[in-house]
Each structure stands twice: as C-alpha cells, then as structure tokens.
Amino acid sequence: CSSSGDHGGEAKKTTSPAPTKSSDPDASEKTAVL
C-alpha cells in the first residue's frame, strides 16, 4: 500500500480536502444583527 511500482518504491502522496466555508448563508447578517 505504501509504495508504487511505477515510481521506484516512492511513497504515494495524499492530499487532505480543503476546509469548507460556513454552510450558513445568513452568517454575516446574523453577526451584523448581534
């Protein structure tokens, strides 16, 4: 699992998903109300 036959045994690199923005479309208005 940790090596690749195509890259001379180099470890595969994995990327983590980018952080998502707030799912609340009214967040900025709520902040302004408060």
Full PDB file with SEQRES, HELIX, SHEET, SSBOND, CRYST1, ORIGX, SCALE, CONECT and MASTER records, all heavy atoms in Angstrom:
SEQRES   1 A   34  CYS SER SER SER GLY ASP HIS GLY GLY GLU ALA LYS LYS          
SEQRES   2 A   34  THR THR SER PRO ALA PRO THR LYS SER SER ASP PRO ASP          
SEQRES   3 A   34  ALA SER GLU LYS THR ALA VAL LEU                              
HELIX    1 AA1 GLY A    5  HIS A    7  5                                   3    
HELIX    2 AA2 ALA A   27  VAL A   33  1                                   7    
CRYST1    1.000    1.000    1.000  90.00  90.00  90.00 P 1           1          
ORIGX1      1.000000  0.000000  0.000000        0.00000                         
ORIGX2      0.000000  1.000000  0.000000        0.00000                         
ORIGX3      0.000000  0.000000  1.000000        0.00000                         
SCALE1      1.000000  0.000000  0.000000        0.00000                         
SCALE2      0.000000  1.000000  0.000000        0.00000                         
SCALE3      0.000000  0.000000  1.000000        0.00000                         
ATOM      1  N   CYS A   1       0.813  -1.217   0.000  1.00  0.00           N  
ATOM      2  CA  CYS A   1       0.000   0.000   0.000  1.00  0.00           C  
ATOM      3  C   CYS A   1       0.839   1.256   0.000  1.00  0.00           C  
ATOM      4  O   CYS A   1       0.401   2.294  -0.445  1.00  0.00           O  
ATOM      5  CB  CYS A   1      -0.921   0.011   1.226  1.00  0.00           C  
ATOM      6  SG  CYS A   1      -2.211  -1.215   1.138  1.00  0.00           S  
ATOM      7  N   SER A   2       2.070   1.174   0.569  1.00  0.00           N  
ATOM      8  CA  SER A   2       2.827   2.402   0.754  1.00  0.00           C  
ATOM      9  C   SER A   2       3.828   2.668  -0.344  1.00  0.00           C  
ATOM     10  O   SER A   2       4.533   3.644  -0.322  1.00  0.00           O  
ATOM     11  CB  SER A   2       3.553   2.362   2.102  1.00  0.00           C  
ATOM     12  OG  SER A   2       4.479   1.294   2.088  1.00  0.00           O  
ATOM     13  N   SER A   3       3.949   1.752  -1.303  1.00  0.00           N  
ATOM     14  CA  SER A   3       4.900   2.003  -2.381  1.00  0.00           C  
ATOM     15  C   SER A   3       4.243   1.823  -3.722  1.00  0.00           C  
ATOM     16  O   SER A   3       3.208   1.202  -3.847  1.00  0.00           O  
ATOM     17  CB  SER A   3       6.088   1.054  -2.234  1.00  0.00           C  
ATOM     18  OG  SER A   3       5.665  -0.285  -2.384  1.00  0.00           O  
ATOM     19  N   SER A   4       4.868   2.358  -4.751  1.00  0.00           N  
ATOM     20  CA  SER A   4       4.320   2.275  -6.094  1.00  0.00           C  
ATOM     21  C   SER A   4       5.352   1.658  -7.010  1.00  0.00           C  
ATOM     22  O   SER A   4       6.507   2.090  -7.032  1.00  0.00           O  
ATOM     23  CB  SER A   4       3.949   3.680  -6.576  1.00  0.00           C  
ATOM     24  OG  SER A   4       3.683   3.663  -7.955  1.00  0.00           O  
ATOM     25  N   GLY A   5       4.943   0.671  -7.788  1.00  0.00           N  
ATOM     26  CA  GLY A   5       5.861   0.031  -8.722  1.00  0.00           C  
ATOM     27  C   GLY A   5       6.280   0.962  -9.844  1.00  0.00           C  
ATOM     28  O   GLY A   5       7.317   0.778 -10.464  1.00  0.00           O  
ATOM     29  N   ASP A   6       5.470   1.991 -10.147  1.00  0.00           N  
ATOM     30  CA  ASP A   6       5.764   2.901 -11.244  1.00  0.00           C  
ATOM     31  C   ASP A   6       6.763   3.968 -10.862  1.00  0.00           C  
ATOM     32  O   ASP A   6       7.288   4.666 -11.706  1.00  0.00           O  
ATOM     33  CB  ASP A   6       4.472   3.583 -11.718  1.00  0.00           C  
ATOM     34  CG  ASP A   6       3.503   2.571 -12.302  1.00  0.00           C  
ATOM     35  OD1 ASP A   6       3.959   1.515 -12.768  1.00  0.00           O  
ATOM     36  OD2 ASP A   6       2.290   2.850 -12.255  1.00  0.00           O  
ATOM     37  N   HIS A   7       7.026   4.165  -9.571  1.00  0.00           N  
ATOM     38  CA  HIS A   7       7.895   5.251  -9.138  1.00  0.00           C  
ATOM     39  C   HIS A   7       9.059   4.752  -8.308  1.00  0.00           C  
ATOM     40  O   HIS A   7       9.517   5.418  -7.400  1.00  0.00           O  
ATOM     41  CB  HIS A   7       7.091   6.284  -8.324  1.00  0.00           C  
ATOM     42  CG  HIS A   7       6.014   6.937  -9.133  1.00  0.00           C  
ATOM     43  ND1 HIS A   7       4.749   6.410  -9.202  1.00  0.00           N  
ATOM     44  CD2 HIS A   7       6.039   8.026  -9.932  1.00  0.00           C  
ATOM     45  CE1 HIS A   7       4.016   7.175  -9.994  1.00  0.00           C  
ATOM     46  NE2 HIS A   7       4.779   8.152 -10.448  1.00  0.00           N  
ATOM     47  N   GLY A   8       9.529   3.553  -8.595  1.00  0.00           N  
ATOM     48  CA  GLY A   8      10.709   3.039  -7.909  1.00  0.00           C  
ATOM     49  C   GLY A   8      10.541   2.932  -6.407  1.00  0.00           C  
ATOM     50  O   GLY A   8      11.480   3.185  -5.669  1.00  0.00           O  
ATOM     51  N   GLY A   9       9.327   2.585  -5.925  1.00  0.00           N  
ATOM     52  CA  GLY A   9       9.111   2.407  -4.495  1.00  0.00           C  
ATOM     53  C   GLY A   9       8.871   3.687  -3.736  1.00  0.00           C  
ATOM     54  O   GLY A   9       8.867   3.701  -2.528  1.00  0.00           O  
ATOM     55  N   GLU A  10       8.676   4.814  -4.423  1.00  0.00           N  
ATOM     56  CA  GLU A  10       8.391   6.091  -3.759  1.00  0.00           C  
ATOM     57  C   GLU A  10       7.034   6.029  -3.088  1.00  0.00           C  
ATOM     58  O   GLU A  10       6.088   5.488  -3.638  1.00  0.00           O  
ATOM     59  CB  GLU A  10       8.372   7.213  -4.797  1.00  0.00           C  
ATOM     60  CG  GLU A  10       9.501   8.208  -4.631  1.00  0.00           C  
ATOM     61  CD  GLU A  10       9.408   9.285  -5.681  1.00  0.00           C  
ATOM     62  OE1 GLU A  10       8.351   9.928  -5.776  1.00  0.00           O  
ATOM     63  OE2 GLU A  10      10.382   9.469  -6.407  1.00  0.00           O  
ATOM     64  N   ALA A  11       6.913   6.628  -1.908  1.00  0.00           N  
ATOM     65  CA  ALA A  11       5.630   6.639  -1.196  1.00  0.00           C  
ATOM     66  C   ALA A  11       4.657   7.538  -1.919  1.00  0.00           C  
ATOM     67  O   ALA A  11       5.026   8.600  -2.422  1.00  0.00           O  
ATOM     68  CB  ALA A  11       5.843   7.118   0.231  1.00  0.00           C  
ATOM     69  N   LYS A  12       3.411   7.084  -1.992  1.00  0.00           N  
ATOM     70  CA  LYS A  12       2.370   7.903  -2.618  1.00  0.00           C  
ATOM     71  C   LYS A  12       2.028   9.080  -1.719  1.00  0.00           C  
ATOM     72  O   LYS A  12       1.967   8.938  -0.511  1.00  0.00           O  
ATOM     73  CB  LYS A  12       1.116   7.059  -2.861  1.00  0.00           C  
ATOM     74  CG  LYS A  12       1.274   6.029  -3.947  1.00  0.00           C  
ATOM     75  CD  LYS A  12      -0.025   5.281  -4.154  1.00  0.00           C  
ATOM     76  CE  LYS A  12       0.103   4.237  -5.241  1.00  0.00           C  
ATOM     77  NZ  LYS A  12      -1.127   3.467  -5.424  1.00  0.00           N  
ATOM     78  N   LYS A  13       1.788  10.225  -2.322  1.00  0.00           N  
ATOM     79  CA  LYS A  13       1.423  11.413  -1.560  1.00  0.00           C  
ATOM     80  C   LYS A  13      -0.097  11.539  -1.551  1.00  0.00           C  
ATOM     81  O   LYS A  13      -0.743  11.346  -2.571  1.00  0.00           O  
ATOM     82  CB  LYS A  13       2.042  12.661  -2.173  1.00  0.00           C  
ATOM     83  CG  LYS A  13       3.548  12.672  -2.057  1.00  0.00           C  
ATOM     84  CD  LYS A  13       4.128  13.923  -2.662  1.00  0.00           C  
ATOM     85  CE  LYS A  13       5.637  13.935  -2.547  1.00  0.00           C  
ATOM     86  NZ  LYS A  13       6.237  15.112  -3.169  1.00  0.00           N  
ATOM     87  N   THR A  14      -0.635  11.849  -0.397  1.00  0.00           N  
ATOM     88  CA  THR A  14      -2.076  12.046  -0.279  1.00  0.00           C  
ATOM     89  C   THR A  14      -2.352  13.487   0.098  1.00  0.00           C  
ATOM     90  O   THR A  14      -1.558  14.115   0.787  1.00  0.00           O  
ATOM     91  CB  THR A  14      -2.673  11.113   0.788  1.00  0.00           C  
ATOM     92  OG1 THR A  14      -2.021  11.370   2.018  1.00  0.00           O  
ATOM     93  CG2 THR A  14      -2.498   9.654   0.405  1.00  0.00           C  
ATOM     94  N   THR A  15      -3.452  13.999  -0.367  1.00  0.00           N  
ATOM     95  CA  THR A  15      -3.837  15.378  -0.039  1.00  0.00           C  
ATOM     96  C   THR A  15      -5.136  15.356   0.736  1.00  0.00           C  
ATOM     97  O   THR A  15      -6.041  14.582   0.425  1.00  0.00           O  
ATOM     98  CB  THR A  15      -4.021  16.222  -1.316  1.00  0.00           C  
ATOM     99  OG1 THR A  15      -4.987  15.583  -2.148  1.00  0.00           O  
ATOM    100  CG2 THR A  15      -2.712  16.354  -2.073  1.00  0.00           C  
ATOM    101  N   SER A  16      -5.215  16.197   1.762  1.00  0.00           N  
ATOM    102  CA  SER A  16      -6.440  16.294   2.541  1.00  0.00           C  
ATOM    103  C   SER A  16      -7.354  17.320   1.884  1.00  0.00           C  
ATOM    104  O   SER A  16      -6.877  18.270   1.263  1.00  0.00           O  
ATOM    105  CB  SER A  16      -6.130  16.708   3.982  1.00  0.00           C  
ATOM    106  OG  SER A  16      -5.417  17.910   3.985  1.00  0.00           O  
ATOM    107  N   PRO A  17      -8.677  17.138   2.008  1.00  0.00           N  
ATOM    108  CA  PRO A  17      -9.603  18.077   1.375  1.00  0.00           C  
ATOM    109  C   PRO A  17      -9.466  19.477   1.971  1.00  0.00           C  
ATOM    110  O   PRO A  17      -9.158  19.636   3.145  1.00  0.00           O  
ATOM    111  CB  PRO A  17     -10.989  17.482   1.684  1.00  0.00           C  
ATOM    112  CG  PRO A  17     -10.772  16.591   2.859  1.00  0.00           C  
ATOM    113  CD  PRO A  17      -9.360  16.089   2.752  1.00  0.00           C  
ATOM    114  N   ALA A  18      -9.686  20.462   1.134  1.00  0.00           N  
ATOM    115  CA  ALA A  18      -9.598  21.860   1.585  1.00  0.00           C  
ATOM    116  C   ALA A  18     -10.728  22.143   2.566  1.00  0.00           C  
ATOM    117  O   ALA A  18     -11.824  21.584   2.451  1.00  0.00           O  
ATOM    118  CB  ALA A  18      -9.705  22.799   0.385  1.00  0.00           C  
ATOM    119  N   PRO A  19     -10.479  22.994   3.577  1.00  0.00           N  
ATOM    120  CA  PRO A  19     -11.545  23.321   4.525  1.00  0.00           C  
ATOM    121  C   PRO A  19     -12.703  24.017   3.828  1.00  0.00           C  
ATOM    122  O   PRO A  19     -12.499  24.816   2.914  1.00  0.00           O  
ATOM    123  CB  PRO A  19     -10.862  24.255   5.528  1.00  0.00           C  
ATOM    124  CG  PRO A  19      -9.645  24.756   4.834  1.00  0.00           C  
ATOM    125  CD  PRO A  19      -9.250  23.708   3.852  1.00  0.00           C  
ATOM    126  N   THR A  20     -13.913  23.698   4.266  1.00  0.00           N  
ATOM    127  CA  THR A  20     -15.096  24.296   3.649  1.00  0.00           C  
ATOM    128  C   THR A  20     -15.527  25.538   4.403  1.00  0.00           C  
ATOM    129  O   THR A  20     -15.309  25.650   5.603  1.00  0.00           O  
ATOM    130  CB  THR A  20     -16.273  23.289   3.642  1.00  0.00           C  
ATOM    131  OG1 THR A  20     -16.511  22.870   4.981  1.00  0.00           O  
ATOM    132  CG2 THR A  20     -15.946  22.081   2.782  1.00  0.00           C  
ATOM    133  N   LYS A  21     -16.128  26.458   3.699  1.00  0.00           N  
ATOM    134  CA  LYS A  21     -16.625  27.682   4.323  1.00  0.00           C  
ATOM    135  C   LYS A  21     -17.906  27.374   5.082  1.00  0.00           C  
ATOM    136  O   LYS A  21     -18.516  26.335   4.911  1.00  0.00           O  
ATOM    137  CB  LYS A  21     -16.888  28.740   3.250  1.00  0.00           C  
ATOM    138  CG  LYS A  21     -15.613  29.251   2.596  1.00  0.00           C  
ATOM    139  CD  LYS A  21     -15.934  30.339   1.604  1.00  0.00           C  
ATOM    140  CE  LYS A  21     -14.660  30.894   0.959  1.00  0.00           C  
ATOM    141  NZ  LYS A  21     -14.945  31.932  -0.024  1.00  0.00           N  
ATOM    142  N   SER A  22     -18.335  28.308   5.919  1.00  0.00           N  
ATOM    143  CA  SER A  22     -19.552  28.126   6.701  1.00  0.00           C  
ATOM    144  C   SER A  22     -20.729  27.830   5.782  1.00  0.00           C  
ATOM    145  O   SER A  22     -20.891  28.465   4.744  1.00  0.00           O  
ATOM    146  CB  SER A  22     -19.838  29.395   7.509  1.00  0.00           C  
ATOM    147  OG  SER A  22     -21.107  29.300   8.105  1.00  0.00           O  
ATOM    148  N   SER A  23     -21.533  26.851   6.171  1.00  0.00           N  
ATOM    149  CA  SER A  23     -22.669  26.469   5.346  1.00  0.00           C  
ATOM    150  C   SER A  23     -23.885  27.352   5.600  1.00  0.00           C  
ATOM    151  O   SER A  23     -24.907  27.183   4.962  1.00  0.00           O  
ATOM    152  CB  SER A  23     -23.024  25.003   5.614  1.00  0.00           C  
ATOM    153  OG  SER A  23     -23.322  24.821   6.984  1.00  0.00           O  
ATOM    154  N   ASP A  24     -23.783  28.296   6.540  1.00  0.00           N  
ATOM    155  CA  ASP A  24     -24.897  29.178   6.857  1.00  0.00           C  
ATOM    156  C   ASP A  24     -24.838  30.419   5.968  1.00  0.00           C  
ATOM    157  O   ASP A  24     -23.963  31.267   6.149  1.00  0.00           O  
ATOM    158  CB  ASP A  24     -24.834  29.586   8.335  1.00  0.00           C  
ATOM    159  CG  ASP A  24     -26.047  30.403   8.761  1.00  0.00           C  
ATOM    160  OD1 ASP A  24     -26.877  30.754   7.883  1.00  0.00           O  
ATOM    161  OD2 ASP A  24     -26.168  30.695   9.958  1.00  0.00           O  
ATOM    162  N   PRO A  25     -25.757  30.545   5.007  1.00  0.00           N  
ATOM    163  CA  PRO A  25     -25.714  31.703   4.101  1.00  0.00           C  
ATOM    164  C   PRO A  25     -26.039  33.023   4.793  1.00  0.00           C  
ATOM    165  O   PRO A  25     -25.755  34.095   4.265  1.00  0.00           O  
ATOM    166  CB  PRO A  25     -26.767  31.358   3.036  1.00  0.00           C  
ATOM    167  CG  PRO A  25     -27.718  30.436   3.737  1.00  0.00           C  
ATOM    168  CD  PRO A  25     -26.878  29.652   4.709  1.00  0.00           C  
ATOM    169  N   ASP A  26     -26.634  32.944   5.989  1.00  0.00           N  
ATOM    170  CA  ASP A  26     -27.020  34.159   6.718  1.00  0.00           C  
ATOM    171  C   ASP A  26     -26.022  34.538   7.814  1.00  0.00           C  
ATOM    172  O   ASP A  26     -26.296  35.419   8.622  1.00  0.00           O  
ATOM    173  CB  ASP A  26     -28.414  33.965   7.350  1.00  0.00           C  
ATOM    174  CG  ASP A  26     -29.483  33.686   6.307  1.00  0.00           C  
ATOM    175  OD1 ASP A  26     -29.393  34.250   5.196  1.00  0.00           O  
ATOM    176  OD2 ASP A  26     -30.398  32.900   6.597  1.00  0.00           O  
ATOM    177  N   ALA A  27     -24.877  33.871   7.838  1.00  0.00           N  
ATOM    178  CA  ALA A  27     -23.911  34.083   8.932  1.00  0.00           C  
ATOM    179  C   ALA A  27     -23.500  35.538   9.073  1.00  0.00           C  
ATOM    180  O   ALA A  27     -23.445  36.075  10.182  1.00  0.00           O  
ATOM    181  CB  ALA A  27     -22.687  33.198   8.724  1.00  0.00           C  
ATOM    182  N   SER A  28     -23.206  36.206   7.963  1.00  0.00           N  
ATOM    183  CA  SER A  28     -22.737  37.600   8.053  1.00  0.00           C  
ATOM    184  C   SER A  28     -23.843  38.528   8.549  1.00  0.00           C  
ATOM    185  O   SER A  28     -23.584  39.461   9.321  1.00  0.00           O  
ATOM    186  CB  SER A  28     -22.203  38.083   6.699  1.00  0.00           C  
ATOM    187  OG  SER A  28     -23.224  38.062   5.724  1.00  0.00           O  
ATOM    188  N   GLU A  29     -25.087  38.275   8.137  1.00  0.00           N  
ATOM    189  CA  GLU A  29     -26.206  39.102   8.599  1.00  0.00           C  
ATOM    190  C   GLU A  29     -26.462  38.872  10.089  1.00  0.00           C  
ATOM    191  O   GLU A  29     -26.753  39.818  10.832  1.00  0.00           O  
ATOM    192  CB  GLU A  29     -27.473  38.816   7.787  1.00  0.00           C  
ATOM    193  CG  GLU A  29     -27.389  39.212   6.320  1.00  0.00           C  
ATOM    194  CD  GLU A  29     -27.188  40.713   6.101  1.00  0.00           C  
ATOM    195  OE1 GLU A  29     -27.419  41.507   7.036  1.00  0.00           O  
ATOM    196  OE2 GLU A  29     -26.781  41.089   4.992  1.00  0.00           O  
ATOM    197  N   LYS A  30     -26.345  37.631  10.526  1.00  0.00           N  
ATOM    198  CA  LYS A  30     -26.537  37.332  11.951  1.00  0.00           C  
ATOM    199  C   LYS A  30     -25.488  38.056  12.797  1.00  0.00           C  
ATOM    200  O   LYS A  30     -25.798  38.588  13.864  1.00  0.00           O  
ATOM    201  CB  LYS A  30     -26.461  35.825  12.192  1.00  0.00           C  
ATOM    202  CG  LYS A  30     -27.668  35.058  11.664  1.00  0.00           C  
ATOM    203  CD  LYS A  30     -27.507  33.565  11.897  1.00  0.00           C  
ATOM    204  CE  LYS A  30     -28.719  32.790  11.396  1.00  0.00           C  
ATOM    205  NZ  LYS A  30     -28.559  31.338  11.597  1.00  0.00           N  
ATOM    206  N   THR A  31     -24.263  38.074  12.301  1.00  0.00           N  
ATOM    207  CA  THR A  31     -23.197  38.780  13.005  1.00  0.00           C  
ATOM    208  C   THR A  31     -23.513  40.265  13.103  1.00  0.00           C  
ATOM    209  O   THR A  31     -23.315  40.898  14.152  1.00  0.00           O  
ATOM    210  CB  THR A  31     -21.852  38.582  12.273  1.00  0.00           C  
ATOM    211  OG1 THR A  31     -21.538  37.180  12.269  1.00  0.00           O  
ATOM    212  CG2 THR A  31     -20.720  39.343  12.945  1.00  0.00           C  
ATOM    213  N   ALA A  32     -24.040  40.829  12.012  1.00  0.00           N  
ATOM    214  CA  ALA A  32     -24.384  42.257  11.998  1.00  0.00           C  
ATOM    215  C   ALA A  32     -25.540  42.567  12.949  1.00  0.00           C  
ATOM    216  O   ALA A  32     -25.552  43.611  13.614  1.00  0.00           O  
ATOM    217  CB  ALA A  32     -24.735  42.691  10.575  1.00  0.00           C  
ATOM    218  N   VAL A  33     -26.509  41.655  13.043  1.00  0.00           N  
ATOM    219  CA  VAL A  33     -27.639  41.841  13.966  1.00  0.00           C  
ATOM    220  C   VAL A  33     -27.132  41.865  15.407  1.00  0.00           C  
ATOM    221  O   VAL A  33     -27.491  42.749  16.198  1.00  0.00           O  
ATOM    222  CB  VAL A  33     -28.698  40.724  13.796  1.00  0.00           C  
ATOM    223  CG1 VAL A  33     -29.747  40.812  14.891  1.00  0.00           C  
ATOM    224  CG2 VAL A  33     -29.349  40.791  12.427  1.00  0.00           C  
ATOM    225  N   LEU A  34     -26.287  40.899  15.751  1.00  0.00           N  
ATOM    226  CA  LEU A  34     -25.766  40.829  17.118  1.00  0.00           C  
ATOM    227  C   LEU A  34     -24.905  42.044  17.451  1.00  0.00           C  
ATOM    228  O   LEU A  34     -24.927  42.535  18.581  1.00  0.00           O  
ATOM    229  CB  LEU A  34     -24.965  39.539  17.317  1.00  0.00           C  
ATOM    230  CG  LEU A  34     -25.792  38.250  17.379  1.00  0.00           C  
ATOM    231  CD1 LEU A  34     -24.883  37.034  17.462  1.00  0.00           C  
ATOM    232  CD2 LEU A  34     -26.764  38.269  18.551  1.00  0.00           C  
TER     233      LEU A  34                                                      
MASTER        0    0    0    2    0    0    0    6  232    1    0    3          
END                                                                             
